[in-house]
Amino acid sequence: MKKITNIFVVLLAVVLFSGCCDRSVLDDKGLNYYMPMPENVQYTQSGDQVTLTWSYPEIPDEYQSVSVGIQAVENNIYKAKTTLSNGETSQTFTLTDGVTYRYVVKLTGTFKPEFQEKGRTSTVTSDGVVVNIE
């Protein structure tokens, strides 16, 4: 009798939990939009200063504004994020001796209202371009 009860409980749990998923949510891959990556990302170093430079690719018409995000990683530890939203094409950082640096440069686009999908994010971020400085 106990074995039958255990089987019944397991079957009941399977039926209950299998009904708790919405397949359309699981299959959804997100937005049908993309943000291109920044182009020509380079750096120049002078003493304890490093200047990152980049250019903007052709931006799709769906976006009303684009900002640049730069993530600073020091000795493999995330330290800071700088966001530039006025069309800048360079940013200077101060370096410390004995520290390895990695900067990740990404673009983030904000949708125009007519392209904003209800219940979705209003921004899309590109893949990052990684710059290693040792």
C-alpha atoms as a PDB file:
ATOM      1  CA  MET A   1       0.000   0.000   0.000  1.00  0.00           C
ATOM      2  CA  LYS A   2       2.844   2.394   0.833  1.00  0.00           C
ATOM      3  CA  LYS A   3       4.427   1.717  -2.570  1.00  0.00           C
ATOM      4  CA  ILE A   4       1.166   2.578  -4.360  1.00  0.00           C
ATOM      5  CA  THR A   5       0.875   5.792  -2.323  1.00  0.00           C
ATOM      6  CA  ASN A   6       4.454   6.789  -3.250  1.00  0.00           C
ATOM      7  CA  ILE A   7       3.792   6.124  -6.942  1.00  0.00           C
ATOM      8  CA  PHE A   8       0.580   8.167  -6.770  1.00  0.00           C
ATOM      9  CA  VAL A   9       2.396  11.089  -5.098  1.00  0.00           C
ATOM     10  CA  VAL A  10       5.156  11.032  -7.723  1.00  0.00           C
ATOM     11  CA  LEU A  11       2.638  10.927 -10.587  1.00  0.00           C
ATOM     12  CA  LEU A  12       0.637  13.760  -9.023  1.00  0.00           C
ATOM     13  CA  ALA A  13       3.808  15.879  -8.690  1.00  0.00           C
ATOM     14  CA  VAL A  14       4.750  15.218 -12.330  1.00  0.00           C
ATOM     15  CA  VAL A  15       1.290  16.252 -13.526  1.00  0.00           C
ATOM     16  CA  LEU A  16       1.255  19.388 -11.371  1.00  0.00           C
ATOM     17  CA  PHE A  17       4.751  20.573 -12.303  1.00  0.00           C
ATOM     18  CA  SER A  18       4.481  19.789 -15.995  1.00  0.00           C
ATOM     19  CA  GLY A  19       1.543  22.194 -16.231  1.00  0.00           C
ATOM     20  CA  CYS A  20       3.576  25.038 -14.684  1.00  0.00           C
ATOM     21  CA  CYS A  21       5.534  26.083 -17.722  1.00  0.00           C
ATOM     22  CA  ASP A  22       4.626  28.342 -20.572  1.00  0.00           C
ATOM     23  CA  ARG A  23       6.426  26.955 -23.600  1.00  0.00           C
ATOM     24  CA  SER A  24       6.245  30.263 -25.459  1.00  0.00           C
ATOM     25  CA  VAL A  25       8.236  31.939 -22.666  1.00  0.00           C
ATOM     26  CA  LEU A  26      10.842  29.176 -22.700  1.00  0.00           C
ATOM     27  CA  ASP A  27      11.170  29.269 -26.487  1.00  0.00           C
ATOM     28  CA  ASP A  28      11.353  33.070 -26.743  1.00  0.00           C
ATOM     29  CA  LYS A  29      14.780  34.221 -27.874  1.00  0.00           C
ATOM     30  CA  GLY A  30      14.198  37.877 -27.040  1.00  0.00           C
ATOM     31  CA  LEU A  31      14.050  40.851 -29.315  1.00  0.00           C
ATOM     32  CA  ASN A  32      14.337  40.715 -33.053  1.00  0.00           C
ATOM     33  CA  TYR A  33      16.688  43.696 -32.967  1.00  0.00           C
ATOM     34  CA  TYR A  34      20.424  43.964 -32.538  1.00  0.00           C
ATOM     35  CA  MET A  35      22.924  46.657 -31.736  1.00  0.00           C
ATOM     36  CA  PRO A  36      26.138  46.631 -33.792  1.00  0.00           C
ATOM     37  CA  MET A  37      29.459  46.659 -31.954  1.00  0.00           C
ATOM     38  CA  PRO A  38      31.687  49.752 -31.787  1.00  0.00           C
ATOM     39  CA  GLU A  39      34.249  49.839 -34.574  1.00  0.00           C
ATOM     40  CA  ASN A  40      37.972  50.604 -34.747  1.00  0.00           C
ATOM     41  CA  VAL A  41      38.441  50.277 -30.982  1.00  0.00           C
ATOM     42  CA  GLN A  42      42.053  51.116 -30.166  1.00  0.00           C
ATOM     43  CA  TYR A  43      44.131  52.506 -27.345  1.00  0.00           C
ATOM     44  CA  THR A  44      47.146  54.735 -26.934  1.00  0.00           C
ATOM     45  CA  GLN A  45      49.219  54.821 -23.784  1.00  0.00           C
ATOM     46  CA  SER A  46      51.297  57.731 -22.535  1.00  0.00           C
ATOM     47  CA  GLY A  47      52.865  57.348 -19.114  1.00  0.00           C
ATOM     48  CA  ASP A  48      50.166  56.439 -16.628  1.00  0.00           C
ATOM     49  CA  GLN A  49      47.340  57.470 -18.994  1.00  0.00           C
ATOM     50  CA  VAL A  50      45.542  55.301 -21.528  1.00  0.00           C
ATOM     51  CA  THR A  51      43.075  56.691 -24.044  1.00  0.00           C
ATOM     52  CA  LEU A  52      40.533  54.417 -25.681  1.00  0.00           C
ATOM     53  CA  THR A  53      39.147  55.501 -29.052  1.00  0.00           C
ATOM     54  CA  TRP A  54      36.369  54.047 -31.221  1.00  0.00           C
ATOM     55  CA  SER A  55      33.990  54.911 -34.001  1.00  0.00           C
ATOM     56  CA  TYR A  56      30.284  54.329 -34.371  1.00  0.00           C
ATOM     57  CA  PRO A  57      28.971  51.863 -36.938  1.00  0.00           C
ATOM     58  CA  GLU A  58      25.868  52.620 -38.963  1.00  0.00           C
ATOM     59  CA  ILE A  59      23.086  52.590 -36.379  1.00  0.00           C
ATOM     60  CA  PRO A  60      19.718  51.057 -37.349  1.00  0.00           C
ATOM     61  CA  ASP A  61      16.741  53.435 -37.597  1.00  0.00           C
ATOM     62  CA  GLU A  62      14.964  51.776 -34.650  1.00  0.00           C
ATOM     63  CA  TYR A  63      17.104  53.657 -32.132  1.00  0.00           C
ATOM     64  CA  GLN A  64      16.564  57.209 -30.910  1.00  0.00           C
ATOM     65  CA  SER A  65      19.795  57.384 -28.929  1.00  0.00           C
ATOM     66  CA  VAL A  66      23.018  55.446 -28.521  1.00  0.00           C
ATOM     67  CA  SER A  67      25.424  55.509 -25.597  1.00  0.00           C
ATOM     68  CA  VAL A  68      28.853  53.952 -25.082  1.00  0.00           C
ATOM     69  CA  GLY A  69      29.506  51.856 -22.000  1.00  0.00           C
ATOM     70  CA  ILE A  70      33.057  51.050 -20.909  1.00  0.00           C
ATOM     71  CA  GLN A  71      33.556  48.412 -18.244  1.00  0.00           C
ATOM     72  CA  ALA A  72      36.894  48.637 -16.441  1.00  0.00           C
ATOM     73  CA  VAL A  73      38.411  45.418 -15.089  1.00  0.00           C
ATOM     74  CA  GLU A  74      41.559  45.566 -12.941  1.00  0.00           C
ATOM     75  CA  ASN A  75      43.454  42.340 -12.188  1.00  0.00           C
ATOM     76  CA  ASN A  76      40.360  40.388 -13.320  1.00  0.00           C
ATOM     77  CA  ILE A  77      38.103  42.273 -10.892  1.00  0.00           C
ATOM     78  CA  TYR A  78      35.265  44.414 -12.236  1.00  0.00           C
ATOM     79  CA  LYS A  79      35.884  47.927 -10.954  1.00  0.00           C
ATOM     80  CA  ALA A  80      33.690  50.466 -12.714  1.00  0.00           C
ATOM     81  CA  LYS A  81      31.480  51.303 -15.648  1.00  0.00           C
ATOM     82  CA  THR A  82      31.617  54.595 -17.508  1.00  0.00           C
ATOM     83  CA  THR A  83      28.666  55.613 -19.685  1.00  0.00           C
ATOM     84  CA  LEU A  84      29.080  58.260 -22.377  1.00  0.00           C
ATOM     85  CA  SER A  85      25.937  59.498 -24.094  1.00  0.00           C
ATOM     86  CA  ASN A  86      26.950  62.599 -26.053  1.00  0.00           C
ATOM     87  CA  GLY A  87      28.558  61.006 -29.101  1.00  0.00           C
ATOM     88  CA  GLU A  88      32.028  60.816 -27.568  1.00  0.00           C
ATOM     89  CA  THR A  89      34.630  58.783 -29.438  1.00  0.00           C
ATOM     90  CA  SER A  90      37.335  58.585 -26.764  1.00  0.00           C
ATOM     91  CA  GLN A  91      37.861  58.262 -23.027  1.00  0.00           C
ATOM     92  CA  THR A  92      41.040  58.534 -20.927  1.00  0.00           C
ATOM     93  CA  PHE A  93      41.815  56.453 -17.845  1.00  0.00           C
ATOM     94  CA  THR A  94      44.651  56.577 -15.310  1.00  0.00           C
ATOM     95  CA  LEU A  95      46.714  53.414 -14.860  1.00  0.00           C
ATOM     96  CA  THR A  96      48.545  52.062 -11.804  1.00  0.00           C
ATOM     97  CA  ASP A  97      51.877  50.216 -12.096  1.00  0.00           C
ATOM     98  CA  GLY A  98      51.661  46.454 -11.569  1.00  0.00           C
ATOM     99  CA  VAL A  99      47.975  46.246 -12.436  1.00  0.00           C
ATOM    100  CA  THR A 100      46.627  44.558 -15.559  1.00  0.00           C
ATOM    101  CA  TYR A 101      43.670  46.256 -17.159  1.00  0.00           C
ATOM    102  CA  ARG A 102      40.897  45.113 -19.442  1.00  0.00           C
ATOM    103  CA  TYR A 103      38.294  47.450 -20.872  1.00  0.00           C
ATOM    104  CA  VAL A 104      35.100  46.263 -22.538  1.00  0.00           C
ATOM    105  CA  VAL A 105      33.522  48.794 -24.900  1.00  0.00           C
ATOM    106  CA  LYS A 106      29.822  48.323 -25.773  1.00  0.00           C
ATOM    107  CA  LEU A 107      27.080  50.329 -27.442  1.00  0.00           C
ATOM    108  CA  THR A 108      23.595  50.588 -25.971  1.00  0.00           C
ATOM    109  CA  GLY A 109      20.685  51.784 -28.074  1.00  0.00           C
ATOM    110  CA  THR A 110      17.352  53.092 -26.806  1.00  0.00           C
ATOM    111  CA  PHE A 111      14.372  52.361 -29.020  1.00  0.00           C
ATOM    112  CA  LYS A 112      12.203  55.011 -30.603  1.00  0.00           C
ATOM    113  CA  PRO A 113       8.695  54.791 -29.083  1.00  0.00           C
ATOM    114  CA  GLU A 114       7.186  53.286 -32.243  1.00  0.00           C
ATOM    115  CA  PHE A 115       9.644  50.350 -32.076  1.00  0.00           C
ATOM    116  CA  GLN A 116       9.249  49.701 -28.351  1.00  0.00           C
ATOM    117  CA  GLU A 117       7.533  46.348 -27.815  1.00  0.00           C
ATOM    118  CA  LYS A 118       5.105  46.175 -24.901  1.00  0.00           C
ATOM    119  CA  GLY A 119       6.562  44.270 -21.979  1.00  0.00           C
ATOM    120  CA  ARG A 120      10.077  44.312 -23.443  1.00  0.00           C
ATOM    121  CA  THR A 121      13.223  46.185 -22.610  1.00  0.00           C
ATOM    122  CA  SER A 122      13.607  49.649 -24.101  1.00  0.00           C
ATOM    123  CA  THR A 123      17.320  49.175 -24.761  1.00  0.00           C
ATOM    124  CA  VAL A 124      19.601  46.736 -26.569  1.00  0.00           C
ATOM    125  CA  THR A 125      23.316  46.377 -25.836  1.00  0.00           C
ATOM    126  CA  SER A 126      25.921  45.205 -28.336  1.00  0.00           C
ATOM    127  CA  ASP A 127      28.537  42.572 -27.737  1.00  0.00           C
ATOM    128  CA  GLY A 128      31.666  44.081 -26.259  1.00  0.00           C
ATOM    129  CA  VAL A 129      35.033  44.799 -27.802  1.00  0.00           C
ATOM    130  CA  VAL A 130      37.734  43.825 -25.312  1.00  0.00           C
ATOM    131  CA  VAL A 131      40.945  45.851 -24.941  1.00  0.00           C
ATOM    132  CA  ASN A 132      43.719  44.314 -22.820  1.00  0.00           C
ATOM    133  CA  ILE A 133      46.394  46.584 -21.365  1.00  0.00           C
ATOM    134  CA  GLU A 134      49.294  45.146 -19.400  1.00  0.00           C
END
